[in-house]
PDB file of N, CA and C in Angstrom:
ATOM      1  N   MET A   1      -4.271 -14.826 -16.161  1.00  0.00           N
ATOM      2  CA  MET A   1      -3.908 -13.329 -16.061  1.00  0.00           C
ATOM      3  C   MET A   1      -2.465 -13.290 -15.803  1.00  0.00           C
ATOM      4  N   ALA A   2      -1.712 -12.234 -16.291  1.00  0.00           N
ATOM      5  CA  ALA A   2      -0.303 -11.981 -16.159  1.00  0.00           C
ATOM      6  C   ALA A   2       0.035 -11.742 -14.738  1.00  0.00           C
ATOM      7  N   HIS A   3       1.114 -12.038 -14.300  1.00  0.00           N
ATOM      8  CA  HIS A   3       1.562 -11.823 -12.946  1.00  0.00           C
ATOM      9  C   HIS A   3       2.014 -10.433 -12.769  1.00  0.00           C
ATOM     10  N   LEU A   4       1.700  -9.724 -11.736  1.00  0.00           N
ATOM     11  CA  LEU A   4       2.110  -8.346 -11.597  1.00  0.00           C
ATOM     12  C   LEU A   4       3.552  -8.370 -10.768  1.00  0.00           C
ATOM     13  N   GLU A   5       4.216  -7.376 -11.136  1.00  0.00           N
ATOM     14  CA  GLU A   5       5.509  -7.061 -10.456  1.00  0.00           C
ATOM     15  C   GLU A   5       5.176  -6.582  -8.839  1.00  0.00           C
ATOM     16  N   PRO A   6       6.158  -7.148  -8.306  1.00  0.00           N
ATOM     17  CA  PRO A   6       5.773  -6.945  -6.579  1.00  0.00           C
ATOM     18  C   PRO A   6       5.641  -5.390  -6.262  1.00  0.00           C
ATOM     19  N   LYS A   7       6.211  -4.470  -6.974  1.00  0.00           N
ATOM     20  CA  LYS A   7       5.806  -3.070  -6.540  1.00  0.00           C
ATOM     21  C   LYS A   7       4.394  -2.715  -6.906  1.00  0.00           C
ATOM     22  N   GLU A   8       3.875  -3.442  -7.922  1.00  0.00           N
ATOM     23  CA  GLU A   8       2.542  -3.086  -8.553  1.00  0.00           C
ATOM     24  C   GLU A   8       1.499  -3.842  -7.579  1.00  0.00           C
ATOM     25  N   VAL A   9       1.863  -5.105  -7.020  1.00  0.00           N
ATOM     26  CA  VAL A   9       1.107  -5.701  -6.062  1.00  0.00           C
ATOM     27  C   VAL A   9       0.865  -4.801  -4.763  1.00  0.00           C
ATOM     28  N   LEU A  10       2.014  -4.306  -4.278  1.00  0.00           N
ATOM     29  CA  LEU A  10       1.668  -3.420  -3.188  1.00  0.00           C
ATOM     30  C   LEU A  10       0.894  -2.246  -3.479  1.00  0.00           C
ATOM     31  N   ALA A  11       1.235  -1.674  -4.677  1.00  0.00           N
ATOM     32  CA  ALA A  11       0.577  -0.317  -4.947  1.00  0.00           C
ATOM     33  C   ALA A  11      -0.989  -0.543  -4.991  1.00  0.00           C
ATOM     34  N   ARG A  12      -1.438  -1.704  -5.707  1.00  0.00           N
ATOM     35  CA  ARG A  12      -2.848  -1.889  -5.859  1.00  0.00           C
ATOM     36  C   ARG A  12      -3.694  -2.115  -4.615  1.00  0.00           C
ATOM     37  N   ASN A  13      -2.863  -3.134  -3.792  1.00  0.00           N
ATOM     38  CA  ASN A  13      -3.367  -3.343  -2.378  1.00  0.00           C
ATOM     39  C   ASN A  13      -3.442  -2.146  -1.354  1.00  0.00           C
ATOM     40  N   LEU A  14      -2.423  -1.363  -1.506  1.00  0.00           N
ATOM     41  CA  LEU A  14      -2.170  -0.227  -0.654  1.00  0.00           C
ATOM     42  C   LEU A  14      -3.599   0.734  -1.085  1.00  0.00           C
ATOM     43  N   ARG A  15      -3.719   0.952  -2.379  1.00  0.00           N
ATOM     44  CA  ARG A  15      -4.706   1.934  -2.670  1.00  0.00           C
ATOM     45  C   ARG A  15      -6.049   1.402  -2.387  1.00  0.00           C
ATOM     46  N   ARG A  16      -6.364   0.006  -2.633  1.00  0.00           N
ATOM     47  CA  ARG A  16      -7.617  -0.456  -2.207  1.00  0.00           C
ATOM     48  C   ARG A  16      -8.013  -0.406  -0.827  1.00  0.00           C
ATOM     49  N   ILE A  17      -6.970  -0.676  -0.023  1.00  0.00           N
ATOM     50  CA  ILE A  17      -7.233  -0.856   1.496  1.00  0.00           C
ATOM     51  C   ILE A  17      -7.313   0.676   2.014  1.00  0.00           C
ATOM     52  N   ARG A  18      -6.488   1.577   1.528  1.00  0.00           N
ATOM     53  CA  ARG A  18      -6.525   2.904   1.973  1.00  0.00           C
ATOM     54  C   ARG A  18      -7.904   3.474   1.639  1.00  0.00           C
ATOM     55  N   THR A  19      -8.348   3.351   0.361  1.00  0.00           N
ATOM     56  CA  THR A  19      -9.691   3.974   0.044  1.00  0.00           C
ATOM     57  C   THR A  19     -10.866   3.393   0.631  1.00  0.00           C
ATOM     58  N   SER A  20     -10.671   2.012   0.979  1.00  0.00           N
ATOM     59  CA  SER A  20     -11.772   1.369   1.685  1.00  0.00           C
ATOM     60  C   SER A  20     -11.878   1.842   3.073  1.00  0.00           C
ATOM     61  N   THR A  21     -10.769   2.362   3.660  1.00  0.00           N
ATOM     62  CA  THR A  21     -10.923   2.924   5.152  1.00  0.00           C
ATOM     63  C   THR A  21     -11.303   4.418   5.091  1.00  0.00           C
ATOM     64  N   GLY A  22     -11.438   5.053   3.914  1.00  0.00           N
ATOM     65  CA  GLY A  22     -11.536   6.313   3.756  1.00  0.00           C
ATOM     66  C   GLY A  22     -10.525   7.360   4.046  1.00  0.00           C
ATOM     67  N   LEU A  23      -9.390   6.823   4.132  1.00  0.00           N
ATOM     68  CA  LEU A  23      -8.171   7.556   4.460  1.00  0.00           C
ATOM     69  C   LEU A  23      -7.775   8.300   3.156  1.00  0.00           C
ATOM     70  N   SER A  24      -7.383   9.527   3.344  1.00  0.00           N
ATOM     71  CA  SER A  24      -6.689  10.047   2.135  1.00  0.00           C
ATOM     72  C   SER A  24      -5.257   9.739   2.189  1.00  0.00           C
ATOM     73  N   GLN A  25      -4.385   9.907   1.326  1.00  0.00           N
ATOM     74  CA  GLN A  25      -2.919   9.679   1.213  1.00  0.00           C
ATOM     75  C   GLN A  25      -2.332  10.653   2.351  1.00  0.00           C
ATOM     76  N   GLU A  26      -2.659  11.887   2.555  1.00  0.00           N
ATOM     77  CA  GLU A  26      -2.297  12.732   3.602  1.00  0.00           C
ATOM     78  C   GLU A  26      -2.640  12.032   4.905  1.00  0.00           C
ATOM     79  N   GLY A  27      -3.795  11.613   5.110  1.00  0.00           N
ATOM     80  CA  GLY A  27      -4.222  10.867   6.471  1.00  0.00           C
ATOM     81  C   GLY A  27      -3.398   9.777   6.844  1.00  0.00           C
ATOM     82  N   LEU A  28      -3.277   8.860   5.734  1.00  0.00           N
ATOM     83  CA  LEU A  28      -2.383   7.745   5.887  1.00  0.00           C
ATOM     84  C   LEU A  28      -0.991   8.113   6.138  1.00  0.00           C
ATOM     85  N   ALA A  29      -0.450   9.138   5.646  1.00  0.00           N
ATOM     86  CA  ALA A  29       0.936   9.557   5.875  1.00  0.00           C
ATOM     87  C   ALA A  29       1.001  10.107   7.214  1.00  0.00           C
ATOM     88  N   ALA A  30       0.103  10.838   7.735  1.00  0.00           N
ATOM     89  CA  ALA A  30       0.276  11.193   9.123  1.00  0.00           C
ATOM     90  C   ALA A  30       0.204  10.067  10.111  1.00  0.00           C
ATOM     91  N   ARG A  31      -0.779   9.104   9.831  1.00  0.00           N
ATOM     92  CA  ARG A  31      -0.808   8.025  10.782  1.00  0.00           C
ATOM     93  C   ARG A  31       0.482   7.108  10.845  1.00  0.00           C
ATOM     94  N   SER A  32       1.082   7.003   9.592  1.00  0.00           N
ATOM     95  CA  SER A  32       2.128   6.136   9.439  1.00  0.00           C
ATOM     96  C   SER A  32       3.559   6.744   9.877  1.00  0.00           C
ATOM     97  N   GLY A  33       3.455   8.231   9.790  1.00  0.00           N
ATOM     98  CA  GLY A  33       4.841   8.732  10.052  1.00  0.00           C
ATOM     99  C   GLY A  33       5.597   8.891   8.881  1.00  0.00           C
ATOM    100  N   LEU A  34       5.040   8.792   7.547  1.00  0.00           N
ATOM    101  CA  LEU A  34       5.717   8.810   6.365  1.00  0.00           C
ATOM    102  C   LEU A  34       5.178   9.975   5.705  1.00  0.00           C
ATOM    103  N   HIS A  35       5.841  10.484   4.627  1.00  0.00           N
ATOM    104  CA  HIS A  35       5.512  11.644   3.933  1.00  0.00           C
ATOM    105  C   HIS A  35       4.431  11.425   2.765  1.00  0.00           C
ATOM    106  N   ARG A  36       3.514  12.261   2.513  1.00  0.00           N
ATOM    107  CA  ARG A  36       2.442  11.996   1.652  1.00  0.00           C
ATOM    108  C   ARG A  36       3.006  11.745   0.260  1.00  0.00           C
ATOM    109  N   THR A  37       4.080  12.372  -0.129  1.00  0.00           N
ATOM    110  CA  THR A  37       4.559  12.099  -1.479  1.00  0.00           C
ATOM    111  C   THR A  37       5.251  10.827  -1.507  1.00  0.00           C
ATOM    112  N   TYR A  38       5.925  10.192  -0.331  1.00  0.00           N
ATOM    113  CA  TYR A  38       6.181   8.776  -0.302  1.00  0.00           C
ATOM    114  C   TYR A  38       5.099   7.894  -0.522  1.00  0.00           C
ATOM    115  N   ILE A  39       4.076   8.046   0.222  1.00  0.00           N
ATOM    116  CA  ILE A  39       2.688   7.226  -0.003  1.00  0.00           C
ATOM    117  C   ILE A  39       2.181   7.349  -1.285  1.00  0.00           C
ATOM    118  N   SER A  40       2.165   8.347  -1.903  1.00  0.00           N
ATOM    119  CA  SER A  40       1.797   8.549  -3.423  1.00  0.00           C
ATOM    120  C   SER A  40       2.759   7.784  -4.369  1.00  0.00           C
ATOM    121  N   SER A  41       3.961   7.879  -4.052  1.00  0.00           N
ATOM    122  CA  SER A  41       4.950   7.084  -5.010  1.00  0.00           C
ATOM    123  C   SER A  41       4.987   5.551  -4.758  1.00  0.00           C
ATOM    124  N   VAL A  42       4.438   5.172  -3.608  1.00  0.00           N
ATOM    125  CA  VAL A  42       4.405   3.867  -3.248  1.00  0.00           C
ATOM    126  C   VAL A  42       3.009   3.361  -4.049  1.00  0.00           C
ATOM    127  N   GLU A  43       2.099   4.128  -4.070  1.00  0.00           N
ATOM    128  CA  GLU A  43       0.647   3.703  -4.754  1.00  0.00           C
ATOM    129  C   GLU A  43       1.068   3.678  -6.256  1.00  0.00           C
ATOM    130  N   ARG A  44       1.779   4.465  -6.739  1.00  0.00           N
ATOM    131  CA  ARG A  44       1.912   4.552  -8.154  1.00  0.00           C
ATOM    132  C   ARG A  44       2.895   3.339  -8.577  1.00  0.00           C
ATOM    133  N   GLY A  45       3.412   2.613  -7.627  1.00  0.00           N
ATOM    134  CA  GLY A  45       4.379   1.496  -7.954  1.00  0.00           C
ATOM    135  C   GLY A  45       5.702   1.927  -8.298  1.00  0.00           C
ATOM    136  N   GLN A  46       6.194   3.054  -7.777  1.00  0.00           N
ATOM    137  CA  GLN A  46       7.456   3.608  -7.956  1.00  0.00           C
ATOM    138  C   GLN A  46       8.488   3.372  -7.013  1.00  0.00           C
ATOM    139  N   ARG A  47       8.264   2.847  -5.846  1.00  0.00           N
ATOM    140  CA  ARG A  47       9.018   2.595  -4.655  1.00  0.00           C
ATOM    141  C   ARG A  47       9.474   1.195  -4.499  1.00  0.00           C
ATOM    142  N   ASN A  48      10.664   0.813  -3.986  1.00  0.00           N
ATOM    143  CA  ASN A  48      10.913  -0.480  -3.541  1.00  0.00           C
ATOM    144  C   ASN A  48      10.822  -0.110  -1.950  1.00  0.00           C
ATOM    145  N   VAL A  49       9.784  -0.739  -1.244  1.00  0.00           N
ATOM    146  CA  VAL A  49       9.489  -0.328   0.098  1.00  0.00           C
ATOM    147  C   VAL A  49      10.115  -1.267   1.075  1.00  0.00           C
ATOM    148  N   SER A  50      10.624  -0.767   2.127  1.00  0.00           N
ATOM    149  CA  SER A  50      11.414  -1.409   3.298  1.00  0.00           C
ATOM    150  C   SER A  50      10.334  -2.239   3.912  1.00  0.00           C
ATOM    151  N   VAL A  51      10.694  -3.260   4.599  1.00  0.00           N
ATOM    152  CA  VAL A  51      10.027  -4.057   5.516  1.00  0.00           C
ATOM    153  C   VAL A  51       9.380  -3.149   6.770  1.00  0.00           C
ATOM    154  N   GLU A  52      10.266  -2.238   7.176  1.00  0.00           N
ATOM    155  CA  GLU A  52       9.804  -1.425   8.290  1.00  0.00           C
ATOM    156  C   GLU A  52       8.552  -0.642   7.869  1.00  0.00           C
ATOM    157  N   ASN A  53       8.521   0.034   6.592  1.00  0.00           N
ATOM    158  CA  ASN A  53       7.719   0.873   6.071  1.00  0.00           C
ATOM    159  C   ASN A  53       6.446   0.070   5.772  1.00  0.00           C
ATOM    160  N   ILE A  54       6.515  -1.107   5.231  1.00  0.00           N
ATOM    161  CA  ILE A  54       5.129  -2.012   4.988  1.00  0.00           C
ATOM    162  C   ILE A  54       4.604  -2.164   6.362  1.00  0.00           C
ATOM    163  N   PHE A  55       5.386  -2.512   7.353  1.00  0.00           N
ATOM    164  CA  PHE A  55       4.651  -2.501   8.788  1.00  0.00           C
ATOM    165  C   PHE A  55       4.070  -1.363   9.322  1.00  0.00           C
ATOM    166  N   ALA A  56       4.685  -0.312   8.980  1.00  0.00           N
ATOM    167  CA  ALA A  56       4.114   1.143   9.523  1.00  0.00           C
ATOM    168  C   ALA A  56       2.941   1.486   8.767  1.00  0.00           C
ATOM    169  N   ILE A  57       2.793   1.118   7.513  1.00  0.00           N
ATOM    170  CA  ILE A  57       1.622   1.289   6.704  1.00  0.00           C
ATOM    171  C   ILE A  57       0.564   0.523   7.106  1.00  0.00           C
ATOM    172  N   ALA A  58       0.797  -0.818   7.251  1.00  0.00           N
ATOM    173  CA  ALA A  58      -0.081  -1.610   7.829  1.00  0.00           C
ATOM    174  C   ALA A  58      -0.763  -1.368   9.089  1.00  0.00           C
ATOM    175  N   ARG A  59       0.248  -0.903  10.118  1.00  0.00           N
ATOM    176  CA  ARG A  59      -0.315  -0.474  11.296  1.00  0.00           C
ATOM    177  C   ARG A  59      -1.392   0.763  11.224  1.00  0.00           C
ATOM    178  N   ALA A  60      -0.820   1.649  10.429  1.00  0.00           N
ATOM    179  CA  ALA A  60      -1.726   2.929  10.192  1.00  0.00           C
ATOM    180  C   ALA A  60      -3.108   2.465   9.522  1.00  0.00           C
ATOM    181  N   LEU A  61      -3.059   1.576   8.692  1.00  0.00           N
ATOM    182  CA  LEU A  61      -4.292   1.005   8.029  1.00  0.00           C
ATOM    183  C   LEU A  61      -5.126   0.114   9.035  1.00  0.00           C
ATOM    184  N   GLY A  62      -4.580  -0.394   9.938  1.00  0.00           N
ATOM    185  CA  GLY A  62      -5.219  -1.396  10.838  1.00  0.00           C
ATOM    186  C   GLY A  62      -5.283  -2.730  10.168  1.00  0.00           C
ATOM    187  N   CYS A  63      -4.376  -3.180   9.288  1.00  0.00           N
ATOM    188  CA  CYS A  63      -4.477  -4.256   8.738  1.00  0.00           C
ATOM    189  C   CYS A  63      -3.118  -5.205   8.895  1.00  0.00           C
ATOM    190  N   ASP A  64      -3.229  -6.337   8.502  1.00  0.00           N
ATOM    191  CA  ASP A  64      -1.978  -7.240   8.642  1.00  0.00           C
ATOM    192  C   ASP A  64      -1.029  -6.789   7.395  1.00  0.00           C
ATOM    193  N   PRO A  65       0.294  -6.778   7.731  1.00  0.00           N
ATOM    194  CA  PRO A  65       1.212  -6.604   6.485  1.00  0.00           C
ATOM    195  C   PRO A  65       0.911  -7.394   5.260  1.00  0.00           C
ATOM    196  N   GLN A  66       0.622  -8.719   5.506  1.00  0.00           N
ATOM    197  CA  GLN A  66       0.319  -9.617   4.615  1.00  0.00           C
ATOM    198  C   GLN A  66      -0.760  -9.194   3.382  1.00  0.00           C
ATOM    199  N   ALA A  67      -1.735  -8.391   3.976  1.00  0.00           N
ATOM    200  CA  ALA A  67      -2.624  -7.790   2.972  1.00  0.00           C
ATOM    201  C   ALA A  67      -2.188  -6.702   2.064  1.00  0.00           C
ATOM    202  N   LEU A  68      -0.987  -6.328   2.233  1.00  0.00           N
ATOM    203  CA  LEU A  68      -0.391  -5.451   1.313  1.00  0.00           C
ATOM    204  C   LEU A  68       0.383  -5.994   0.313  1.00  0.00           C
ATOM    205  N   ILE A  69       0.876  -7.237   0.524  1.00  0.00           N
ATOM    206  CA  ILE A  69       1.640  -7.947  -0.390  1.00  0.00           C
ATOM    207  C   ILE A  69       1.040  -9.183  -1.045  1.00  0.00           C
ATOM    208  N   ASP A  70      -0.404  -9.348  -0.836  1.00  0.00           N
ATOM    209  CA  ASP A  70      -1.002 -10.599  -1.357  1.00  0.00           C
ATOM    210  C   ASP A  70      -1.283 -10.380  -2.690  1.00  0.00           C
ATOM    211  N   ALA A  71      -0.663 -11.086  -3.535  1.00  0.00           N
ATOM    212  CA  ALA A  71      -0.698 -11.143  -4.944  1.00  0.00           C
ATOM    213  C   ALA A  71      -2.039 -11.403  -5.411  1.00  0.00           C
ATOM    214  N   ARG A  72      -2.664 -12.338  -4.934  1.00  0.00           N
ATOM    215  CA  ARG A  72      -3.925 -12.707  -5.263  1.00  0.00           C
ATOM    216  C   ARG A  72      -5.079 -11.715  -5.107  1.00  0.00           C
ATOM    217  N   SER A  73      -4.947 -10.796  -4.148  1.00  0.00           N
ATOM    218  CA  SER A  73      -5.839  -9.783  -3.945  1.00  0.00           C
ATOM    219  C   SER A  73      -5.588  -8.704  -5.029  1.00  0.00           C
ATOM    220  N   ALA A  74      -4.556  -8.491  -5.352  1.00  0.00           N
ATOM    221  CA  ALA A  74      -3.962  -7.352  -6.228  1.00  0.00           C
ATOM    222  C   ALA A  74      -4.350  -7.566  -7.752  1.00  0.00           C
ATOM    223  N   GLU A  75      -4.495  -8.984  -8.072  1.00  0.00           N
ATOM    224  CA  GLU A  75      -4.646  -9.154  -9.388  1.00  0.00           C
ATOM    225  C   GLU A  75      -6.188  -9.001  -9.782  1.00  0.00           C
ATOM    226  N   GLY A  76      -7.038  -8.896  -8.843  1.00  0.00           N
ATOM    227  CA  GLY A  76      -8.505  -8.550  -8.993  1.00  0.00           C
ATOM    228  C   GLY A  76      -8.733  -7.157  -9.196  1.00  0.00           C
ATOM    229  N   ASP A  77      -7.710  -6.361  -8.892  1.00  0.00           N
ATOM    230  CA  ASP A  77      -7.961  -4.899  -8.963  1.00  0.00           C
ATOM    231  C   ASP A  77      -7.493  -4.272 -10.278  1.00  0.00           C
ATOM    232  N   GLY A  78      -7.289  -4.958 -11.267  1.00  0.00           N
ATOM    233  CA  GLY A  78      -6.821  -4.295 -12.514  1.00  0.00           C
ATOM    234  C   GLY A  78      -7.680  -3.419 -13.276  1.00  0.00           C
TER     235      GLY A  78
END
C-alpha cells in the first residue's frame, strides 16, 4: 500500500475517530474551541495543523494525540 501524506493521515484518523464518537464537525468544533470550517478543512486534508490544535482536537475527542497521527490506522481507512 502506498504511504499517505501526513495531512491525509490526520484527515482519515480524525474523520474515523470523530464519527465513531457520534460527534458532528460542529460538535467537535465546539468542544475543541476551533471553527467548524477549520475542522472540515482538516478532515479534507487541506490544513497543516499545529501541535496545539492536534492536542485540542484529541482532548475534545477523548483520545491520545498519537491516535490522530498514526499512519498504520489511517492506511486501513482508504
